[in-house]
Amino acid sequence: MLTGQVIGRATATAKHPSLAGWRLLLVQTLDIQGNADGFPELVIDRLGCGKGDIVLLTSDGAAVRDMVGTDNTPIRWATMGVIDRE
């Protein structure tokens, strides 16, 4: 699991059938100090996360396949939680 910051949404005019109805986000992964770490990832979201939210991500293939309900999906990342800021 990683943390990341939502930097925007993605829109697709054509996408894999397993992604129908899923909200797609662009999330910048973060290191332990909260700095950008690597390239942004395309993430499916069922939590309603918005731009600027700090989220908990999973790249567990089995969990993501279970979420979308198929063994044949091109997506790897999914939101698992929103981290509250104080």
C-alpha atoms as a PDB file:
ATOM      1  CA  MET A   1       0.000   0.000   0.000  1.00  0.00           C
ATOM      2  CA  LEU A   2       1.080   3.538  -0.750  1.00  0.00           C
ATOM      3  CA  THR A   3      -0.172   7.025  -0.101  1.00  0.00           C
ATOM      4  CA  GLY A   4      -0.850   9.508  -2.860  1.00  0.00           C
ATOM      5  CA  GLN A   5      -2.449  12.845  -3.620  1.00  0.00           C
ATOM      6  CA  VAL A   6      -5.278  13.124  -6.127  1.00  0.00           C
ATOM      7  CA  ILE A   7      -4.154  15.546  -8.844  1.00  0.00           C
ATOM      8  CA  GLY A   8      -7.121  15.186 -11.184  1.00  0.00           C
ATOM      9  CA  ARG A   9      -9.664  13.013 -12.944  1.00  0.00           C
ATOM     10  CA  ALA A  10      -9.314  11.042 -16.149  1.00  0.00           C
ATOM     11  CA  THR A  11     -12.005  10.739 -18.787  1.00  0.00           C
ATOM     12  CA  ALA A  12     -12.045   8.018 -21.420  1.00  0.00           C
ATOM     13  CA  THR A  13     -14.298   7.972 -24.466  1.00  0.00           C
ATOM     14  CA  ALA A  14     -13.491   4.290 -24.914  1.00  0.00           C
ATOM     15  CA  LYS A  15     -12.353   2.021 -22.120  1.00  0.00           C
ATOM     16  CA  HIS A  16     -12.114  -1.636 -21.204  1.00  0.00           C
ATOM     17  CA  PRO A  17     -15.540  -3.126 -20.337  1.00  0.00           C
ATOM     18  CA  SER A  18     -14.343  -3.985 -16.811  1.00  0.00           C
ATOM     19  CA  LEU A  19     -13.969  -0.254 -16.098  1.00  0.00           C
ATOM     20  CA  ALA A  20     -17.529   0.700 -17.043  1.00  0.00           C
ATOM     21  CA  GLY A  21     -19.038   2.818 -14.279  1.00  0.00           C
ATOM     22  CA  TRP A  22     -15.741   3.330 -12.431  1.00  0.00           C
ATOM     23  CA  ARG A  23     -14.411   6.781 -11.657  1.00  0.00           C
ATOM     24  CA  LEU A  24     -10.815   7.213 -12.855  1.00  0.00           C
ATOM     25  CA  LEU A  25      -8.360   9.421 -10.970  1.00  0.00           C
ATOM     26  CA  LEU A  26      -4.794  10.560 -11.508  1.00  0.00           C
ATOM     27  CA  VAL A  27      -2.899  10.127  -8.253  1.00  0.00           C
ATOM     28  CA  GLN A  28       0.655  11.249  -7.527  1.00  0.00           C
ATOM     29  CA  THR A  29       2.294   8.721  -5.216  1.00  0.00           C
ATOM     30  CA  LEU A  30       4.079  10.191  -2.198  1.00  0.00           C
ATOM     31  CA  ASP A  31       7.157   9.211  -0.197  1.00  0.00           C
ATOM     32  CA  ILE A  32       7.329   9.081   3.605  1.00  0.00           C
ATOM     33  CA  GLN A  33       7.958  12.854   3.807  1.00  0.00           C
ATOM     34  CA  GLY A  34       4.947  13.632   1.598  1.00  0.00           C
ATOM     35  CA  ASN A  35       6.982  14.523  -1.515  1.00  0.00           C
ATOM     36  CA  ALA A  36       6.137  13.312  -5.016  1.00  0.00           C
ATOM     37  CA  ASP A  37       7.606   9.871  -5.693  1.00  0.00           C
ATOM     38  CA  GLY A  38       7.609   8.660  -9.305  1.00  0.00           C
ATOM     39  CA  PHE A  39       5.028   9.204 -11.994  1.00  0.00           C
ATOM     40  CA  PRO A  40       1.278   9.674 -11.369  1.00  0.00           C
ATOM     41  CA  GLU A  41      -0.842   6.515 -11.512  1.00  0.00           C
ATOM     42  CA  LEU A  42      -4.278   5.897 -13.029  1.00  0.00           C
ATOM     43  CA  VAL A  43      -6.493   4.683 -10.174  1.00  0.00           C
ATOM     44  CA  ILE A  44     -10.080   3.457  -9.899  1.00  0.00           C
ATOM     45  CA  ASP A  45     -12.080   5.091  -7.135  1.00  0.00           C
ATOM     46  CA  ARG A  46     -15.256   4.006  -5.357  1.00  0.00           C
ATOM     47  CA  LEU A  47     -14.904   6.422  -2.436  1.00  0.00           C
ATOM     48  CA  GLY A  48     -15.668   9.715  -4.186  1.00  0.00           C
ATOM     49  CA  CYS A  49     -12.196  11.195  -3.708  1.00  0.00           C
ATOM     50  CA  GLY A  50     -11.538  14.667  -5.051  1.00  0.00           C
ATOM     51  CA  LYS A  51      -8.610  16.781  -6.175  1.00  0.00           C
ATOM     52  CA  GLY A  52      -6.189  17.415  -3.328  1.00  0.00           C
ATOM     53  CA  ASP A  53      -7.290  14.443  -1.191  1.00  0.00           C
ATOM     54  CA  ILE A  54      -4.568  12.281   0.323  1.00  0.00           C
ATOM     55  CA  VAL A  55      -5.513   8.647  -0.307  1.00  0.00           C
ATOM     56  CA  LEU A  56      -4.366   5.159   0.590  1.00  0.00           C
ATOM     57  CA  LEU A  57      -3.698   3.087  -2.545  1.00  0.00           C
ATOM     58  CA  THR A  58      -3.401  -0.604  -3.257  1.00  0.00           C
ATOM     59  CA  SER A  59      -1.737  -2.298  -6.202  1.00  0.00           C
ATOM     60  CA  ASP A  60      -2.810  -5.767  -5.050  1.00  0.00           C
ATOM     61  CA  GLY A  61      -3.949  -7.370  -8.302  1.00  0.00           C
ATOM     62  CA  ALA A  62      -6.284  -9.865  -6.617  1.00  0.00           C
ATOM     63  CA  ALA A  63      -8.048  -7.119  -4.642  1.00  0.00           C
ATOM     64  CA  VAL A  64      -8.478  -4.913  -7.699  1.00  0.00           C
ATOM     65  CA  ARG A  65      -9.758  -7.813  -9.822  1.00  0.00           C
ATOM     66  CA  ASP A  66     -12.242  -8.633  -7.064  1.00  0.00           C
ATOM     67  CA  MET A  67     -13.406  -4.996  -6.961  1.00  0.00           C
ATOM     68  CA  VAL A  68     -14.132  -4.857 -10.698  1.00  0.00           C
ATOM     69  CA  GLY A  69     -15.520  -8.392 -10.749  1.00  0.00           C
ATOM     70  CA  THR A  70     -13.348  -9.892 -13.489  1.00  0.00           C
ATOM     71  CA  ASP A  71      -9.980 -11.580 -13.897  1.00  0.00           C
ATOM     72  CA  ASN A  72      -9.377  -9.696 -17.135  1.00  0.00           C
ATOM     73  CA  THR A  73      -8.870  -6.017 -16.341  1.00  0.00           C
ATOM     74  CA  PRO A  74      -6.068  -3.634 -17.309  1.00  0.00           C
ATOM     75  CA  ILE A  75      -6.278  -1.579 -14.093  1.00  0.00           C
ATOM     76  CA  ARG A  76      -3.775  -2.141 -11.293  1.00  0.00           C
ATOM     77  CA  TRP A  77      -4.350   0.631  -8.725  1.00  0.00           C
ATOM     78  CA  ALA A  78      -7.386   1.402  -6.539  1.00  0.00           C
ATOM     79  CA  THR A  79      -8.197   3.743  -3.660  1.00  0.00           C
ATOM     80  CA  MET A  80      -8.687   2.007  -0.320  1.00  0.00           C
ATOM     81  CA  GLY A  81      -9.184   4.976   1.984  1.00  0.00           C
ATOM     82  CA  VAL A  82      -8.951   8.723   2.458  1.00  0.00           C
ATOM     83  CA  ILE A  83      -6.419  10.042   4.968  1.00  0.00           C
ATOM     84  CA  ASP A  84      -7.762  12.870   7.145  1.00  0.00           C
ATOM     85  CA  ARG A  85      -5.609  15.967   7.466  1.00  0.00           C
ATOM     86  CA  GLU A  86      -5.542  17.932  10.670  1.00  0.00           C
END
